[in-house]
Amino acid sequence: MKEPVTTPPFDVGRERGEDRRQEEQAVNDERRQSDDRRTLRYGIKLKTARSLGELEDWLDEHCSGLAQLVLLDMDDDLNHKDVQIMFEHKSDKEKFVSHYA
């Protein structure tokens, strides 16, 4: 005669799920410690044919606060790019817009 097959009680699976959620929460808490999103409050999106290096150099030379350039999309010919630039200070954003507008 075969022995009956036993399955673990439902609570065991729930405990594993709770552990997973706790681990996910710990990862999310670590991400929140990075305050880049909170300090880089002023942003713009633009399309440009300029090189990313040129834009990054300008940001490094002219911004008094933090700035971050993100490439969002690029044409197949690698010429036109959609970028997002985030600034810590509104004045840096205004300087950039007045220079490149």
C-alpha atoms as a PDB file:
ATOM      1  CA  MET A   1       0.000   0.000   0.000  1.00  0.00           C
ATOM      2  CA  LYS A   2       1.299   3.458  -0.954  1.00  0.00           C
ATOM      3  CA  GLU A   3       1.795   6.128   1.655  1.00  0.00           C
ATOM      4  CA  PRO A   4      -0.449   9.155   1.257  1.00  0.00           C
ATOM      5  CA  VAL A   5       1.082  12.225  -0.365  1.00  0.00           C
ATOM      6  CA  THR A   6       1.185  15.165   1.983  1.00  0.00           C
ATOM      7  CA  THR A   7       1.345  18.781   0.973  1.00  0.00           C
ATOM      8  CA  PRO A   8       2.715  21.516   3.167  1.00  0.00           C
ATOM      9  CA  PRO A   9       0.137  23.530   5.031  1.00  0.00           C
ATOM     10  CA  PHE A  10      -1.006  26.769   3.432  1.00  0.00           C
ATOM     11  CA  ASP A  11       0.710  28.863   6.091  1.00  0.00           C
ATOM     12  CA  VAL A  12       4.166  27.673   4.994  1.00  0.00           C
ATOM     13  CA  GLY A  13       3.677  29.199   1.549  1.00  0.00           C
ATOM     14  CA  ARG A  14       2.349  32.385   3.080  1.00  0.00           C
ATOM     15  CA  GLU A  15       5.441  32.674   5.266  1.00  0.00           C
ATOM     16  CA  ARG A  16       7.639  32.407   2.207  1.00  0.00           C
ATOM     17  CA  GLY A  17       5.577  35.109   0.511  1.00  0.00           C
ATOM     18  CA  GLU A  18       5.927  37.364   3.530  1.00  0.00           C
ATOM     19  CA  ASP A  19       9.695  36.846   3.517  1.00  0.00           C
ATOM     20  CA  ARG A  20       9.827  37.771  -0.160  1.00  0.00           C
ATOM     21  CA  ARG A  21       7.818  40.946   0.461  1.00  0.00           C
ATOM     22  CA  GLN A  22      10.124  41.864   3.327  1.00  0.00           C
ATOM     23  CA  GLU A  23      13.157  41.393   1.065  1.00  0.00           C
ATOM     24  CA  GLU A  24      11.520  43.509  -1.660  1.00  0.00           C
ATOM     25  CA  GLN A  25      10.758  46.211   0.923  1.00  0.00           C
ATOM     26  CA  ALA A  26      14.403  46.226   2.027  1.00  0.00           C
ATOM     27  CA  VAL A  27      15.511  46.711  -1.600  1.00  0.00           C
ATOM     28  CA  ASN A  28      12.987  49.528  -2.063  1.00  0.00           C
ATOM     29  CA  ASP A  29      14.194  51.210   1.128  1.00  0.00           C
ATOM     30  CA  GLU A  30      17.772  51.117  -0.188  1.00  0.00           C
ATOM     31  CA  ARG A  31      16.659  52.757  -3.442  1.00  0.00           C
ATOM     32  CA  ARG A  32      14.909  55.516  -1.501  1.00  0.00           C
ATOM     33  CA  GLN A  33      18.121  56.354   0.317  1.00  0.00           C
ATOM     34  CA  SER A  34      19.475  57.645  -2.970  1.00  0.00           C
ATOM     35  CA  ASP A  35      18.144  61.182  -3.077  1.00  0.00           C
ATOM     36  CA  ASP A  36      18.957  61.963  -6.739  1.00  0.00           C
ATOM     37  CA  ARG A  37      15.279  62.030  -7.686  1.00  0.00           C
ATOM     38  CA  ARG A  38      14.552  64.424  -4.875  1.00  0.00           C
ATOM     39  CA  THR A  39      17.458  66.780  -5.541  1.00  0.00           C
ATOM     40  CA  LEU A  40      17.136  66.807  -9.338  1.00  0.00           C
ATOM     41  CA  ARG A  41      13.752  68.523  -9.387  1.00  0.00           C
ATOM     42  CA  TYR A  42      13.934  70.578 -12.575  1.00  0.00           C
ATOM     43  CA  GLY A  43      13.940  68.752 -15.865  1.00  0.00           C
ATOM     44  CA  ILE A  44      13.543  69.197 -19.578  1.00  0.00           C
ATOM     45  CA  LYS A  45      13.203  66.877 -22.528  1.00  0.00           C
ATOM     46  CA  LEU A  46      14.592  67.862 -25.896  1.00  0.00           C
ATOM     47  CA  LYS A  47      15.458  66.552 -29.331  1.00  0.00           C
ATOM     48  CA  THR A  48      18.943  67.380 -30.515  1.00  0.00           C
ATOM     49  CA  ALA A  49      21.524  66.585 -33.174  1.00  0.00           C
ATOM     50  CA  ARG A  50      24.342  67.731 -30.865  1.00  0.00           C
ATOM     51  CA  SER A  51      26.719  65.182 -29.408  1.00  0.00           C
ATOM     52  CA  LEU A  52      26.018  63.978 -25.894  1.00  0.00           C
ATOM     53  CA  GLY A  53      29.609  64.767 -24.997  1.00  0.00           C
ATOM     54  CA  GLU A  54      29.101  68.413 -25.933  1.00  0.00           C
ATOM     55  CA  LEU A  55      25.992  68.628 -23.751  1.00  0.00           C
ATOM     56  CA  GLU A  56      27.707  66.881 -20.831  1.00  0.00           C
ATOM     57  CA  ASP A  57      30.723  69.201 -21.111  1.00  0.00           C
ATOM     58  CA  TRP A  58      28.448  72.254 -21.022  1.00  0.00           C
ATOM     59  CA  LEU A  59      26.647  70.906 -17.961  1.00  0.00           C
ATOM     60  CA  ASP A  60      29.946  70.229 -16.166  1.00  0.00           C
ATOM     61  CA  GLU A  61      31.275  73.724 -16.912  1.00  0.00           C
ATOM     62  CA  HIS A  62      28.158  75.807 -16.271  1.00  0.00           C
ATOM     63  CA  CYS A  63      26.007  74.116 -13.610  1.00  0.00           C
ATOM     64  CA  SER A  64      26.528  75.067  -9.988  1.00  0.00           C
ATOM     65  CA  GLY A  65      24.502  72.054  -8.778  1.00  0.00           C
ATOM     66  CA  LEU A  66      24.016  68.472  -9.882  1.00  0.00           C
ATOM     67  CA  ALA A  67      22.815  67.700 -13.398  1.00  0.00           C
ATOM     68  CA  GLN A  68      22.054  64.393 -15.092  1.00  0.00           C
ATOM     69  CA  LEU A  69      21.653  63.687 -18.803  1.00  0.00           C
ATOM     70  CA  VAL A  70      19.668  60.617 -19.886  1.00  0.00           C
ATOM     71  CA  LEU A  71      19.436  59.340 -23.461  1.00  0.00           C
ATOM     72  CA  LEU A  72      15.787  58.416 -24.064  1.00  0.00           C
ATOM     73  CA  ASP A  73      15.813  57.508 -27.772  1.00  0.00           C
ATOM     74  CA  MET A  74      17.945  57.784 -30.897  1.00  0.00           C
ATOM     75  CA  ASP A  75      17.217  57.665 -34.618  1.00  0.00           C
ATOM     76  CA  ASP A  76      18.538  54.802 -36.726  1.00  0.00           C
ATOM     77  CA  ASP A  77      21.097  57.143 -38.294  1.00  0.00           C
ATOM     78  CA  LEU A  78      22.392  57.953 -34.771  1.00  0.00           C
ATOM     79  CA  ASN A  79      22.034  61.648 -35.541  1.00  0.00           C
ATOM     80  CA  HIS A  80      18.945  62.854 -33.711  1.00  0.00           C
ATOM     81  CA  LYS A  81      18.554  62.041 -30.043  1.00  0.00           C
ATOM     82  CA  ASP A  82      15.799  62.472 -27.473  1.00  0.00           C
ATOM     83  CA  VAL A  83      17.348  63.361 -24.121  1.00  0.00           C
ATOM     84  CA  GLN A  84      16.144  64.293 -20.679  1.00  0.00           C
ATOM     85  CA  ILE A  85      18.232  66.570 -18.495  1.00  0.00           C
ATOM     86  CA  MET A  86      17.534  66.925 -14.786  1.00  0.00           C
ATOM     87  CA  PHE A  87      18.892  69.811 -12.723  1.00  0.00           C
ATOM     88  CA  GLU A  88      19.262  70.368  -9.004  1.00  0.00           C
ATOM     89  CA  HIS A  89      18.858  74.149  -9.346  1.00  0.00           C
ATOM     90  CA  LYS A  90      16.236  76.000 -11.347  1.00  0.00           C
ATOM     91  CA  SER A  91      18.842  78.613 -12.289  1.00  0.00           C
ATOM     92  CA  ASP A  92      20.988  75.922 -13.973  1.00  0.00           C
ATOM     93  CA  LYS A  93      18.002  74.788 -16.024  1.00  0.00           C
ATOM     94  CA  GLU A  94      17.278  78.375 -17.035  1.00  0.00           C
ATOM     95  CA  LYS A  95      20.937  78.909 -18.068  1.00  0.00           C
ATOM     96  CA  PHE A  96      20.831  75.760 -20.200  1.00  0.00           C
ATOM     97  CA  VAL A  97      17.546  76.706 -21.872  1.00  0.00           C
ATOM     98  CA  SER A  98      18.739  80.245 -22.638  1.00  0.00           C
ATOM     99  CA  HIS A  99      22.030  78.929 -24.094  1.00  0.00           C
ATOM    100  CA  TYR A 100      20.547  76.182 -26.284  1.00  0.00           C
ATOM    101  CA  ALA A 101      17.150  77.709 -27.174  1.00  0.00           C
END
